[in-house]
PDB file of N, CA and C in Angstrom:
ATOM      1  N   MET A   1       0.818  -1.191   0.000  1.00  0.00           N
ATOM      2  CA  MET A   1       0.000   0.000   0.000  1.00  0.00           C
ATOM      3  C   MET A   1       0.866   1.260   0.000  1.00  0.00           C
ATOM      4  N   ASN A   2       1.958   1.262   0.797  1.00  0.00           N
ATOM      5  CA  ASN A   2       2.841   2.429   0.835  1.00  0.00           C
ATOM      6  C   ASN A   2       3.504   2.673  -0.514  1.00  0.00           C
ATOM      7  N   GLN A   3       3.870   1.596  -1.201  1.00  0.00           N
ATOM      8  CA  GLN A   3       4.493   1.755  -2.518  1.00  0.00           C
ATOM      9  C   GLN A   3       3.524   2.409  -3.495  1.00  0.00           C
ATOM     10  N   ARG A   4       2.268   2.062  -3.398  1.00  0.00           N
ATOM     11  CA  ARG A   4       1.263   2.654  -4.283  1.00  0.00           C
ATOM     12  C   ARG A   4       1.139   4.156  -3.998  1.00  0.00           C
ATOM     13  N   ARG A   5       1.141   4.546  -2.742  1.00  0.00           N
ATOM     14  CA  ARG A   5       1.056   5.969  -2.377  1.00  0.00           C
ATOM     15  C   ARG A   5       2.289   6.732  -2.857  1.00  0.00           C
ATOM     16  N   ILE A   6       3.443   6.131  -2.692  1.00  0.00           N
ATOM     17  CA  ILE A   6       4.682   6.773  -3.147  1.00  0.00           C
ATOM     18  C   ILE A   6       4.654   6.938  -4.658  1.00  0.00           C
ATOM     19  N   LEU A   7       4.217   5.916  -5.366  1.00  0.00           N
ATOM     20  CA  LEU A   7       4.121   5.989  -6.818  1.00  0.00           C
ATOM     21  C   LEU A   7       3.133   7.073  -7.243  1.00  0.00           C
ATOM     22  N   CYS A   8       1.981   7.135  -6.597  1.00  0.00           N
ATOM     23  CA  CYS A   8       0.986   8.171  -6.922  1.00  0.00           C
ATOM     24  C   CYS A   8       1.543   9.564  -6.651  1.00  0.00           C
ATOM     25  N   ALA A   9       2.229   9.733  -5.537  1.00  0.00           N
ATOM     26  CA  ALA A   9       2.816  11.036  -5.210  1.00  0.00           C
ATOM     27  C   ALA A   9       3.874  11.419  -6.234  1.00  0.00           C
ATOM     28  N   ALA A  10       4.708  10.457  -6.630  1.00  0.00           N
ATOM     29  CA  ALA A  10       5.750  10.742  -7.625  1.00  0.00           C
ATOM     30  C   ALA A  10       5.124  11.123  -8.960  1.00  0.00           C
ATOM     31  N   LEU A  11       4.093  10.413  -9.373  1.00  0.00           N
ATOM     32  CA  LEU A  11       3.409  10.745 -10.627  1.00  0.00           C
ATOM     33  C   LEU A  11       2.769  12.127 -10.561  1.00  0.00           C
ATOM     34  N   PHE A  12       2.190  12.477  -9.422  1.00  0.00           N
ATOM     35  CA  PHE A  12       1.583  13.796  -9.253  1.00  0.00           C
ATOM     36  C   PHE A  12       2.638  14.893  -9.382  1.00  0.00           C
ATOM     37  N   VAL A  13       3.778  14.713  -8.742  1.00  0.00           N
ATOM     38  CA  VAL A  13       4.855  15.707  -8.812  1.00  0.00           C
ATOM     39  C   VAL A  13       5.356  15.837 -10.242  1.00  0.00           C
ATOM     40  N   MET A  14       5.553  14.724 -10.934  1.00  0.00           N
ATOM     41  CA  MET A  14       6.030  14.784 -12.315  1.00  0.00           C
ATOM     42  C   MET A  14       5.006  15.471 -13.216  1.00  0.00           C
ATOM     43  N   ALA A  15       3.735  15.186 -13.028  1.00  0.00           N
ATOM     44  CA  ALA A  15       2.693  15.819 -13.843  1.00  0.00           C
ATOM     45  C   ALA A  15       2.633  17.315 -13.573  1.00  0.00           C
ATOM     46  N   THR A  16       2.771  17.703 -12.314  1.00  0.00           N
ATOM     47  CA  THR A  16       2.751  19.123 -11.959  1.00  0.00           C
ATOM     48  C   THR A  16       3.932  19.850 -12.580  1.00  0.00           C
ATOM     49  N   LEU A  17       5.120  19.268 -12.504  1.00  0.00           N
ATOM     50  CA  LEU A  17       6.297  19.890 -13.105  1.00  0.00           C
ATOM     51  C   LEU A  17       6.160  19.966 -14.616  1.00  0.00           C
ATOM     52  N   SER A  18       5.626  18.933 -15.229  1.00  0.00           N
ATOM     53  CA  SER A  18       5.428  18.931 -16.675  1.00  0.00           C
ATOM     54  C   SER A  18       4.442  20.013 -17.087  1.00  0.00           C
ATOM     55  N   LEU A  19       3.360  20.185 -16.342  1.00  0.00           N
ATOM     56  CA  LEU A  19       2.368  21.214 -16.641  1.00  0.00           C
ATOM     57  C   LEU A  19       2.970  22.598 -16.474  1.00  0.00           C
ATOM     58  N   ALA A  20       3.760  22.802 -15.442  1.00  0.00           N
ATOM     59  CA  ALA A  20       4.400  24.106 -15.237  1.00  0.00           C
ATOM     60  C   ALA A  20       5.339  24.426 -16.389  1.00  0.00           C
ATOM     61  N   ASN A  21       6.080  23.441 -16.870  1.00  0.00           N
ATOM     62  CA  ASN A  21       6.982  23.654 -17.997  1.00  0.00           C
ATOM     63  C   ASN A  21       6.197  23.954 -19.269  1.00  0.00           C
ATOM     64  N   ALA A  22       5.073  23.269 -19.473  1.00  0.00           N
ATOM     65  CA  ALA A  22       4.269  23.469 -20.675  1.00  0.00           C
ATOM     66  C   ALA A  22       3.630  24.852 -20.691  1.00  0.00           C
ATOM     67  N   MET A  23       3.456  25.462 -19.527  1.00  0.00           N
ATOM     68  CA  MET A  23       2.820  26.763 -19.445  1.00  0.00           C
ATOM     69  C   MET A  23       3.856  27.850 -19.147  1.00  0.00           C
ATOM     70  N   ALA A  24       4.955  27.823 -19.854  1.00  0.00           N
ATOM     71  CA  ALA A  24       6.026  28.793 -19.645  1.00  0.00           C
ATOM     72  C   ALA A  24       5.492  30.209 -19.816  1.00  0.00           C
ATOM     73  N   ASP A  25       5.911  31.106 -18.946  1.00  0.00           N
ATOM     74  CA  ASP A  25       5.511  32.514 -19.027  1.00  0.00           C
ATOM     75  C   ASP A  25       6.701  33.308 -19.542  1.00  0.00           C
ATOM     76  N   VAL A  26       6.548  33.924 -20.708  1.00  0.00           N
ATOM     77  CA  VAL A  26       7.641  34.664 -21.327  1.00  0.00           C
ATOM     78  C   VAL A  26       7.578  36.160 -21.020  1.00  0.00           C
ATOM     79  N   THR A  27       6.667  36.569 -20.132  1.00  0.00           N
ATOM     80  CA  THR A  27       6.541  37.981 -19.786  1.00  0.00           C
ATOM     81  C   THR A  27       7.896  38.546 -19.369  1.00  0.00           C
ATOM     82  N   GLY A  28       8.248  39.705 -19.935  1.00  0.00           N
ATOM     83  CA  GLY A  28       9.505  40.360 -19.607  1.00  0.00           C
ATOM     84  C   GLY A  28      10.213  40.839 -20.861  1.00  0.00           C
ATOM     85  N   THR A  29      11.436  41.325 -20.671  1.00  0.00           N
ATOM     86  CA  THR A  29      12.239  41.849 -21.778  1.00  0.00           C
ATOM     87  C   THR A  29      13.253  40.802 -22.217  1.00  0.00           C
ATOM     88  N   TRP A  30      13.328  40.610 -23.525  1.00  0.00           N
ATOM     89  CA  TRP A  30      14.217  39.623 -24.125  1.00  0.00           C
ATOM     90  C   TRP A  30      15.161  40.312 -25.094  1.00  0.00           C
ATOM     91  N   LYS A  31      16.424  39.938 -25.053  1.00  0.00           N
ATOM     92  CA  LYS A  31      17.404  40.416 -26.025  1.00  0.00           C
ATOM     93  C   LYS A  31      17.566  39.323 -27.073  1.00  0.00           C
ATOM     94  N   LEU A  32      17.342  39.695 -28.328  1.00  0.00           N
ATOM     95  CA  LEU A  32      17.455  38.743 -29.423  1.00  0.00           C
ATOM     96  C   LEU A  32      18.775  38.922 -30.157  1.00  0.00           C
ATOM     97  N   THR A  33      19.270  37.854 -30.705  1.00  0.00           N
ATOM     98  CA  THR A  33      20.354  37.900 -31.682  1.00  0.00           C
ATOM     99  C   THR A  33      19.734  37.418 -32.982  1.00  0.00           C
ATOM    100  N   LEU A  34      19.597  38.343 -33.926  1.00  0.00           N
ATOM    101  CA  LEU A  34      18.927  38.084 -35.194  1.00  0.00           C
ATOM    102  C   LEU A  34      19.968  38.074 -36.304  1.00  0.00           C
ATOM    103  N   THR A  35      20.035  36.979 -37.038  1.00  0.00           N
ATOM    104  CA  THR A  35      21.010  36.839 -38.118  1.00  0.00           C
ATOM    105  C   THR A  35      20.275  36.729 -39.449  1.00  0.00           C
ATOM    106  N   THR A  36      20.616  37.652 -40.377  1.00  0.00           N
ATOM    107  CA  THR A  36      20.033  37.665 -41.718  1.00  0.00           C
ATOM    108  C   THR A  36      21.161  37.808 -42.731  1.00  0.00           C
ATOM    109  N   GLN A  37      20.806  37.881 -44.012  1.00  0.00           N
ATOM    110  CA  GLN A  37      21.810  38.098 -45.052  1.00  0.00           C
ATOM    111  C   GLN A  37      22.491  39.452 -44.885  1.00  0.00           C
ATOM    112  N   GLN A  38      21.820  40.393 -44.225  1.00  0.00           N
ATOM    113  CA  GLN A  38      22.393  41.721 -44.013  1.00  0.00           C
ATOM    114  C   GLN A  38      23.298  41.782 -42.785  1.00  0.00           C
ATOM    115  N   GLY A  39      23.404  40.690 -42.045  1.00  0.00           N
ATOM    116  CA  GLY A  39      24.265  40.673 -40.873  1.00  0.00           C
ATOM    117  C   GLY A  39      23.498  40.315 -39.613  1.00  0.00           C
ATOM    118  N   THR A  40      24.095  40.680 -38.484  1.00  0.00           N
ATOM    119  CA  THR A  40      23.523  40.355 -37.183  1.00  0.00           C
ATOM    120  C   THR A  40      23.109  41.629 -36.469  1.00  0.00           C
ATOM    121  N   SER A  41      21.957  41.573 -35.802  1.00  0.00           N
ATOM    122  CA  SER A  41      21.491  42.705 -34.999  1.00  0.00           C
ATOM    123  C   SER A  41      20.960  42.174 -33.675  1.00  0.00           C
ATOM    124  N   ASN A  42      20.742  43.081 -32.734  1.00  0.00           N
ATOM    125  CA  ASN A  42      20.299  42.692 -31.396  1.00  0.00           C
ATOM    126  C   ASN A  42      19.078  43.490 -30.951  1.00  0.00           C
ATOM    127  N   PRO A  43      17.927  43.236 -31.572  1.00  0.00           N
ATOM    128  CA  PRO A  43      16.716  43.915 -31.120  1.00  0.00           C
ATOM    129  C   PRO A  43      16.277  43.389 -29.756  1.00  0.00           C
ATOM    130  N   THR A  44      15.410  44.147 -29.095  1.00  0.00           N
ATOM    131  CA  THR A  44      14.797  43.675 -27.862  1.00  0.00           C
ATOM    132  C   THR A  44      13.291  43.601 -28.068  1.00  0.00           C
ATOM    133  N   VAL A  45      12.682  42.655 -27.395  1.00  0.00           N
ATOM    134  CA  VAL A  45      11.231  42.553 -27.374  1.00  0.00           C
ATOM    135  C   VAL A  45      10.797  42.487 -25.920  1.00  0.00           C
ATOM    136  N   THR A  46       9.726  43.190 -25.619  1.00  0.00           N
ATOM    137  CA  THR A  46       9.141  43.135 -24.289  1.00  0.00           C
ATOM    138  C   THR A  46       7.783  42.472 -24.433  1.00  0.00           C
ATOM    139  N   PHE A  47       7.626  41.325 -23.791  1.00  0.00           N
ATOM    140  CA  PHE A  47       6.403  40.540 -23.894  1.00  0.00           C
ATOM    141  C   PHE A  47       5.541  40.699 -22.651  1.00  0.00           C
ATOM    142  N   LYS A  48       4.220  40.639 -22.866  1.00  0.00           N
ATOM    143  CA  LYS A  48       3.258  40.467 -21.786  1.00  0.00           C
ATOM    144  C   LYS A  48       2.400  39.287 -22.197  1.00  0.00           C
ATOM    145  N   GLN A  49       2.432  38.235 -21.393  1.00  0.00           N
ATOM    146  CA  GLN A  49       1.682  37.029 -21.705  1.00  0.00           C
ATOM    147  C   GLN A  49       0.506  36.887 -20.765  1.00  0.00           C
ATOM    148  N   GLU A  50      -0.671  36.649 -21.343  1.00  0.00           N
ATOM    149  CA  GLU A  50      -1.877  36.336 -20.575  1.00  0.00           C
ATOM    150  C   GLU A  50      -2.469  35.071 -21.172  1.00  0.00           C
ATOM    151  N   GLY A  51      -2.275  33.943 -20.492  1.00  0.00           N
ATOM    152  CA  GLY A  51      -2.681  32.658 -21.053  1.00  0.00           C
ATOM    153  C   GLY A  51      -1.841  32.372 -22.284  1.00  0.00           C
ATOM    154  N   GLU A  52      -2.511  32.132 -23.408  1.00  0.00           N
ATOM    155  CA  GLU A  52      -1.794  31.884 -24.663  1.00  0.00           C
ATOM    156  C   GLU A  52      -1.586  33.160 -25.468  1.00  0.00           C
ATOM    157  N   GLU A  53      -2.177  34.270 -25.033  1.00  0.00           N
ATOM    158  CA  GLU A  53      -2.080  35.531 -25.780  1.00  0.00           C
ATOM    159  C   GLU A  53      -0.804  36.286 -25.425  1.00  0.00           C
ATOM    160  N   LEU A  54      -0.162  36.823 -26.446  1.00  0.00           N
ATOM    161  CA  LEU A  54       1.094  37.540 -26.285  1.00  0.00           C
ATOM    162  C   LEU A  54       0.974  38.927 -26.913  1.00  0.00           C
ATOM    163  N   THR A  55       1.326  39.958 -26.158  1.00  0.00           N
ATOM    164  CA  THR A  55       1.399  41.320 -26.680  1.00  0.00           C
ATOM    165  C   THR A  55       2.733  41.891 -26.237  1.00  0.00           C
ATOM    166  N   GLY A  56       3.107  43.038 -26.816  1.00  0.00           N
ATOM    167  CA  GLY A  56       4.357  43.645 -26.397  1.00  0.00           C
ATOM    168  C   GLY A  56       4.870  44.665 -27.375  1.00  0.00           C
ATOM    169  N   THR A  57       6.181  44.924 -27.270  1.00  0.00           N
ATOM    170  CA  THR A  57       6.837  45.949 -28.073  1.00  0.00           C
ATOM    171  C   THR A  57       8.171  45.428 -28.593  1.00  0.00           C
ATOM    172  N   TYR A  58       8.436  45.730 -29.855  1.00  0.00           N
ATOM    173  CA  TYR A  58       9.713  45.436 -30.508  1.00  0.00           C
ATOM    174  C   TYR A  58      10.501  46.734 -30.586  1.00  0.00           C
ATOM    175  N   LYS A  59      11.808  46.684 -30.305  1.00  0.00           N
ATOM    176  CA  LYS A  59      12.708  47.826 -30.503  1.00  0.00           C
ATOM    177  C   LYS A  59      13.978  47.307 -31.159  1.00  0.00           C
ATOM    178  N   GLY A  60      14.312  47.915 -32.307  1.00  0.00           N
ATOM    179  CA  GLY A  60      15.509  47.463 -32.997  1.00  0.00           C
ATOM    180  C   GLY A  60      15.816  48.306 -34.204  1.00  0.00           C
ATOM    181  N   ARG A  61      16.602  47.735 -35.088  1.00  0.00           N
ATOM    182  CA  ARG A  61      17.060  48.412 -36.297  1.00  0.00           C
ATOM    183  C   ARG A  61      15.891  48.929 -37.143  1.00  0.00           C
ATOM    184  N   LEU A  62      14.759  48.247 -37.089  1.00  0.00           N
ATOM    185  CA  LEU A  62      13.585  48.641 -37.868  1.00  0.00           C
ATOM    186  C   LEU A  62      12.696  49.639 -37.134  1.00  0.00           C
ATOM    187  N   GLY A  63      13.142  50.118 -35.981  1.00  0.00           N
ATOM    188  CA  GLY A  63      12.356  51.079 -35.212  1.00  0.00           C
ATOM    189  C   GLY A  63      11.673  50.414 -34.034  1.00  0.00           C
ATOM    190  N   GLU A  64      10.546  50.986 -33.635  1.00  0.00           N
ATOM    191  CA  GLU A  64       9.774  50.465 -32.516  1.00  0.00           C
ATOM    192  C   GLU A  64       8.370  50.164 -33.008  1.00  0.00           C
ATOM    193  N   ALA A  65       7.812  49.028 -32.577  1.00  0.00           N
ATOM    194  CA  ALA A  65       6.488  48.635 -33.054  1.00  0.00           C
ATOM    195  C   ALA A  65       5.809  47.717 -32.044  1.00  0.00           C
ATOM    196  N   PRO A  66       4.477  47.808 -31.959  1.00  0.00           N
ATOM    197  CA  PRO A  66       3.746  46.849 -31.129  1.00  0.00           C
ATOM    198  C   PRO A  66       3.755  45.475 -31.786  1.00  0.00           C
ATOM    199  N   LEU A  67       3.645  44.451 -30.971  1.00  0.00           N
ATOM    200  CA  LEU A  67       3.612  43.085 -31.491  1.00  0.00           C
ATOM    201  C   LEU A  67       2.466  42.321 -30.861  1.00  0.00           C
ATOM    202  N   LYS A  68       2.021  41.296 -31.575  1.00  0.00           N
ATOM    203  CA  LYS A  68       0.985  40.388 -31.074  1.00  0.00           C
ATOM    204  C   LYS A  68       1.384  38.976 -31.453  1.00  0.00           C
ATOM    205  N   GLY A  69       1.028  38.026 -30.588  1.00  0.00           N
ATOM    206  CA  GLY A  69       1.357  36.651 -30.894  1.00  0.00           C
ATOM    207  C   GLY A  69       0.696  35.671 -29.962  1.00  0.00           C
ATOM    208  N   THR A  70       1.243  34.457 -29.942  1.00  0.00           N
ATOM    209  CA  THR A  70       0.716  33.384 -29.105  1.00  0.00           C
ATOM    210  C   THR A  70       1.856  32.557 -28.517  1.00  0.00           C
ATOM    211  N   VAL A  71       1.543  31.941 -27.389  1.00  0.00           N
ATOM    212  CA  VAL A  71       2.411  30.933 -26.780  1.00  0.00           C
ATOM    213  C   VAL A  71       1.532  29.714 -26.545  1.00  0.00           C
ATOM    214  N   LYS A  72       1.900  28.606 -27.169  1.00  0.00           N
ATOM    215  CA  LYS A  72       1.148  27.359 -27.005  1.00  0.00           C
ATOM    216  C   LYS A  72       2.146  26.263 -26.687  1.00  0.00           C
ATOM    217  N   GLY A  73       2.155  25.825 -25.421  1.00  0.00           N
ATOM    218  CA  GLY A  73       3.162  24.856 -24.991  1.00  0.00           C
ATOM    219  C   GLY A  73       4.526  25.504 -25.082  1.00  0.00           C
ATOM    220  N   ASN A  74       5.435  24.907 -25.846  1.00  0.00           N
ATOM    221  CA  ASN A  74       6.757  25.518 -26.011  1.00  0.00           C
ATOM    222  C   ASN A  74       6.892  26.248 -27.350  1.00  0.00           C
ATOM    223  N   ALA A  75       5.774  26.399 -28.081  1.00  0.00           N
ATOM    224  CA  ALA A  75       5.794  27.134 -29.357  1.00  0.00           C
ATOM    225  C   ALA A  75       5.439  28.600 -29.112  1.00  0.00           C
ATOM    226  N   ILE A  76       6.222  29.498 -29.690  1.00  0.00           N
ATOM    227  CA  ILE A  76       5.982  30.929 -29.555  1.00  0.00           C
ATOM    228  C   ILE A  76       6.005  31.563 -30.946  1.00  0.00           C
ATOM    229  N   LYS A  77       5.017  32.413 -31.203  1.00  0.00           N
ATOM    230  CA  LYS A  77       4.927  33.121 -32.483  1.00  0.00           C
ATOM    231  C   LYS A  77       4.500  34.548 -32.198  1.00  0.00           C
ATOM    232  N   TRP A  78       5.104  35.491 -32.932  1.00  0.00           N
ATOM    233  CA  TRP A  78       4.635  36.865 -32.858  1.00  0.00           C
ATOM    234  C   TRP A  78       4.898  37.581 -34.167  1.00  0.00           C
ATOM    235  N   SER A  79       4.107  38.630 -34.393  1.00  0.00           N
ATOM    236  CA  SER A  79       4.208  39.423 -35.618  1.00  0.00           C
ATOM    237  C   SER A  79       4.178  40.895 -35.270  1.00  0.00           C
ATOM    238  N   LEU A  80       4.788  41.691 -36.142  1.00  0.00           N
ATOM    239  CA  LEU A  80       4.780  43.139 -35.992  1.00  0.00           C
ATOM    240  C   LEU A  80       4.845  43.762 -37.368  1.00  0.00           C
ATOM    241  N   LYS A  81       4.455  45.022 -37.443  1.00  0.00           N
ATOM    242  CA  LYS A  81       4.538  45.761 -38.704  1.00  0.00           C
ATOM    243  C   LYS A  81       5.388  46.995 -38.474  1.00  0.00           C
ATOM    244  N   VAL A  82       6.340  47.205 -39.383  1.00  0.00           N
ATOM    245  CA  VAL A  82       7.244  48.351 -39.283  1.00  0.00           C
ATOM    246  C   VAL A  82       7.240  49.108 -40.604  1.00  0.00           C
ATOM    247  N   ASN A  83       7.727  50.335 -40.553  1.00  0.00           N
ATOM    248  CA  ASN A  83       7.875  51.158 -41.745  1.00  0.00           C
ATOM    249  C   ASN A  83       9.287  50.950 -42.275  1.00  0.00           C
ATOM    250  N   ALA A  84       9.380  50.368 -43.460  1.00  0.00           N
ATOM    251  CA  ALA A  84      10.679  50.125 -44.090  1.00  0.00           C
ATOM    252  C   ALA A  84      10.769  50.963 -45.355  1.00  0.00           C
ATOM    253  N   GLN A  85      11.464  52.074 -45.261  1.00  0.00           N
ATOM    254  CA  GLN A  85      11.658  52.988 -46.390  1.00  0.00           C
ATOM    255  C   GLN A  85      10.324  53.406 -47.007  1.00  0.00           C
ATOM    256  N   GLY A  86       9.373  53.757 -46.137  1.00  0.00           N
ATOM    257  CA  GLY A  86       8.080  54.244 -46.590  1.00  0.00           C
ATOM    258  C   GLY A  86       7.052  53.173 -46.880  1.00  0.00           C
ATOM    259  N   ASN A  87       7.419  51.925 -46.742  1.00  0.00           N
ATOM    260  CA  ASN A  87       6.486  50.821 -46.985  1.00  0.00           C
ATOM    261  C   ASN A  87       6.267  50.030 -45.702  1.00  0.00           C
ATOM    262  N   GLU A  88       5.030  49.570 -45.502  1.00  0.00           N
ATOM    263  CA  GLU A  88       4.739  48.739 -44.343  1.00  0.00           C
ATOM    264  C   GLU A  88       5.280  47.333 -44.584  1.00  0.00           C
ATOM    265  N   LEU A  89       6.023  46.840 -43.618  1.00  0.00           N
ATOM    266  CA  LEU A  89       6.630  45.516 -43.715  1.00  0.00           C
ATOM    267  C   LEU A  89       6.178  44.686 -42.527  1.00  0.00           C
ATOM    268  N   GLN A  90       5.594  43.523 -42.794  1.00  0.00           N
ATOM    269  CA  GLN A  90       5.222  42.616 -41.713  1.00  0.00           C
ATOM    270  C   GLN A  90       6.384  41.672 -41.442  1.00  0.00           C
ATOM    271  N   VAL A  91       6.714  41.541 -40.167  1.00  0.00           N
ATOM    272  CA  VAL A  91       7.782  40.643 -39.731  1.00  0.00           C
ATOM    273  C   VAL A  91       7.146  39.575 -38.845  1.00  0.00           C
ATOM    274  N   ASP A  92       7.376  38.315 -39.182  1.00  0.00           N
ATOM    275  CA  ASP A  92       6.808  37.187 -38.444  1.00  0.00           C
ATOM    276  C   ASP A  92       7.922  36.367 -37.804  1.00  0.00           C
ATOM    277  N   TYR A  93       7.812  36.170 -36.504  1.00  0.00           N
ATOM    278  CA  TYR A  93       8.750  35.337 -35.753  1.00  0.00           C
ATOM    279  C   TYR A  93       8.043  34.038 -35.379  1.00  0.00           C
ATOM    280  N   ASP A  94       8.733  32.921 -35.525  1.00  0.00           N
ATOM    281  CA  ASP A  94       8.183  31.607 -35.213  1.00  0.00           C
ATOM    282  C   ASP A  94       9.278  30.822 -34.507  1.00  0.00           C
ATOM    283  N   GLY A  95       9.060  30.517 -33.222  1.00  0.00           N
ATOM    284  CA  GLY A  95      10.129  29.886 -32.473  1.00  0.00           C
ATOM    285  C   GLY A  95       9.668  28.868 -31.453  1.00  0.00           C
ATOM    286  N   THR A  96      10.645  28.422 -30.683  1.00  0.00           N
ATOM    287  CA  THR A  96      10.441  27.418 -29.650  1.00  0.00           C
ATOM    288  C   THR A  96      11.069  27.911 -28.352  1.00  0.00           C
ATOM    289  N   ILE A  97      10.359  27.709 -27.252  1.00  0.00           N
ATOM    290  CA  ILE A  97      10.918  27.989 -25.931  1.00  0.00           C
ATOM    291  C   ILE A  97      11.702  26.741 -25.535  1.00  0.00           C
ATOM    292  N   GLU A  98      13.005  26.893 -25.406  1.00  0.00           N
ATOM    293  CA  GLU A  98      13.887  25.757 -25.127  1.00  0.00           C
ATOM    294  C   GLU A  98      13.884  25.422 -23.634  1.00  0.00           C
ATOM    295  N   THR A  99      14.351  24.231 -23.292  1.00  0.00           N
ATOM    296  CA  THR A  99      14.381  23.802 -21.891  1.00  0.00           C
ATOM    297  C   THR A  99      15.338  24.639 -21.055  1.00  0.00           C
ATOM    298  N   ASP A 100      16.320  25.295 -21.689  1.00  0.00           N
ATOM    299  CA  ASP A 100      17.251  26.149 -20.943  1.00  0.00           C
ATOM    300  C   ASP A 100      16.706  27.567 -20.751  1.00  0.00           C
ATOM    301  N   GLY A 101      15.447  27.811 -21.183  1.00  0.00           N
ATOM    302  CA  GLY A 101      14.828  29.117 -20.986  1.00  0.00           C
ATOM    303  C   GLY A 101      15.043  30.095 -22.123  1.00  0.00           C
ATOM    304  N   THR A 102      15.804  29.730 -23.136  1.00  0.00           N
ATOM    305  CA  THR A 102      16.004  30.611 -24.285  1.00  0.00           C
ATOM    306  C   THR A 102      14.893  30.356 -25.307  1.00  0.00           C
ATOM    307  N   ILE A 103      14.798  31.260 -26.283  1.00  0.00           N
ATOM    308  CA  ILE A 103      13.908  31.022 -27.408  1.00  0.00           C
ATOM    309  C   ILE A 103      14.739  31.011 -28.684  1.00  0.00           C
ATOM    310  N   LYS A 104      14.359  30.155 -29.613  1.00  0.00           N
ATOM    311  CA  LYS A 104      15.093  30.023 -30.878  1.00  0.00           C
ATOM    312  C   LYS A 104      14.093  29.821 -31.994  1.00  0.00           C
ATOM    313  N   GLY A 105      14.422  30.363 -33.175  1.00  0.00           N
ATOM    314  CA  GLY A 105      13.518  30.147 -34.291  1.00  0.00           C
ATOM    315  C   GLY A 105      13.904  30.923 -35.526  1.00  0.00           C
ATOM    316  N   LYS A 106      12.884  31.188 -36.359  1.00  0.00           N
ATOM    317  CA  LYS A 106      13.078  31.876 -37.632  1.00  0.00           C
ATOM    318  C   LYS A 106      12.248  33.146 -37.675  1.00  0.00           C
ATOM    319  N   ALA A 107      12.746  34.114 -38.418  1.00  0.00           N
ATOM    320  CA  ALA A 107      12.031  35.367 -38.652  1.00  0.00           C
ATOM    321  C   ALA A 107      11.867  35.534 -40.154  1.00  0.00           C
ATOM    322  N   LYS A 108      10.691  35.987 -40.558  1.00  0.00           N
ATOM    323  CA  LYS A 108      10.428  36.223 -41.979  1.00  0.00           C
ATOM    324  C   LYS A 108      10.051  37.686 -42.162  1.00  0.00           C
ATOM    325  N   PHE A 109      10.719  38.340 -43.110  1.00  0.00           N
ATOM    326  CA  PHE A 109      10.538  39.762 -43.379  1.00  0.00           C
ATOM    327  C   PHE A 109       9.742  39.942 -44.665  1.00  0.00           C
ATOM    328  N   GLY A 110       8.427  39.693 -44.590  1.00  0.00           N
ATOM    329  CA  GLY A 110       7.590  39.790 -45.776  1.00  0.00           C
ATOM    330  C   GLY A 110       8.171  38.954 -46.899  1.00  0.00           C
ATOM    331  N   ASP A 111       8.262  39.552 -48.092  1.00  0.00           N
ATOM    332  CA  ASP A 111       8.851  38.868 -49.247  1.00  0.00           C
ATOM    333  C   ASP A 111      10.336  39.178 -49.402  1.00  0.00           C
ATOM    334  N   PHE A 112      10.935  39.840 -48.391  1.00  0.00           N
ATOM    335  CA  PHE A 112      12.309  40.317 -48.530  1.00  0.00           C
ATOM    336  C   PHE A 112      13.367  39.380 -47.986  1.00  0.00           C
ATOM    337  N   GLY A 113      12.979  38.350 -47.282  1.00  0.00           N
ATOM    338  CA  GLY A 113      13.985  37.430 -46.782  1.00  0.00           C
ATOM    339  C   GLY A 113      13.638  36.861 -45.427  1.00  0.00           C
ATOM    340  N   GLU A 114      14.549  36.037 -44.957  1.00  0.00           N
ATOM    341  CA  GLU A 114      14.369  35.353 -43.687  1.00  0.00           C
ATOM    342  C   GLU A 114      15.646  35.426 -42.877  1.00  0.00           C
ATOM    343  N   GLY A 115      15.515  35.050 -41.624  1.00  0.00           N
ATOM    344  CA  GLY A 115      16.670  34.983 -40.749  1.00  0.00           C
ATOM    345  C   GLY A 115      16.397  34.017 -39.618  1.00  0.00           C
ATOM    346  N   THR A 116      17.383  33.848 -38.763  1.00  0.00           N
ATOM    347  CA  THR A 116      17.229  33.025 -37.572  1.00  0.00           C
ATOM    348  C   THR A 116      17.462  33.899 -36.354  1.00  0.00           C
ATOM    349  N   PHE A 117      16.888  33.482 -35.234  1.00  0.00           N
ATOM    350  CA  PHE A 117      17.077  34.260 -34.015  1.00  0.00           C
ATOM    351  C   PHE A 117      17.209  33.348 -32.812  1.00  0.00           C
ATOM    352  N   THR A 118      17.889  33.869 -31.808  1.00  0.00           N
ATOM    353  CA  THR A 118      17.897  33.292 -30.472  1.00  0.00           C
ATOM    354  C   THR A 118      17.576  34.428 -29.522  1.00  0.00           C
ATOM    355  N   GLY A 119      16.999  34.107 -28.395  1.00  0.00           N
ATOM    356  CA  GLY A 119      16.646  35.142 -27.433  1.00  0.00           C
ATOM    357  C   GLY A 119      16.892  34.684 -26.018  1.00  0.00           C
ATOM    358  N   LYS A 120      17.292  35.647 -25.191  1.00  0.00           N
ATOM    359  CA  LYS A 120      17.542  35.372 -23.782  1.00  0.00           C
ATOM    360  C   LYS A 120      16.850  36.444 -22.958  1.00  0.00           C
ATOM    361  N   LYS A 121      16.158  36.018 -21.919  1.00  0.00           N
ATOM    362  CA  LYS A 121      15.444  36.949 -21.053  1.00  0.00           C
ATOM    363  C   LYS A 121      16.443  37.752 -20.235  1.00  0.00           C
ATOM    364  N   GLU A 122      16.220  39.066 -20.199  1.00  0.00           N
ATOM    365  CA  GLU A 122      17.134  39.935 -19.439  1.00  0.00           C
ATOM    366  C   GLU A 122      16.760  39.963 -17.977  1.00  0.00           C
TER     367      GLU A 122
END
């Protein structure tokens, strides 16, 4: 009987830890390293997460812009629109929240190209 209780308690703890990991909260300021054909830059994003909804602000080489996105499990996506030489450009980020707490993924700059990014919470 004691072994059954210990097993149930261990399973409960593992399930709780797994659920906490699946519901990662990315709220805060993140420094990104963005690599494209034009080189490397270090924009920052400030996220506010409420459930799966993500809002915030991008600041970088393309200026400052509001962003919207989602967090589902360890998948994170956000988009923003910036003014690029008088034209509106949509930038889409699609990444993964890694077990070490970083985020990694790809960024797409409309029809102008793509890049990769990593991010670390400040």
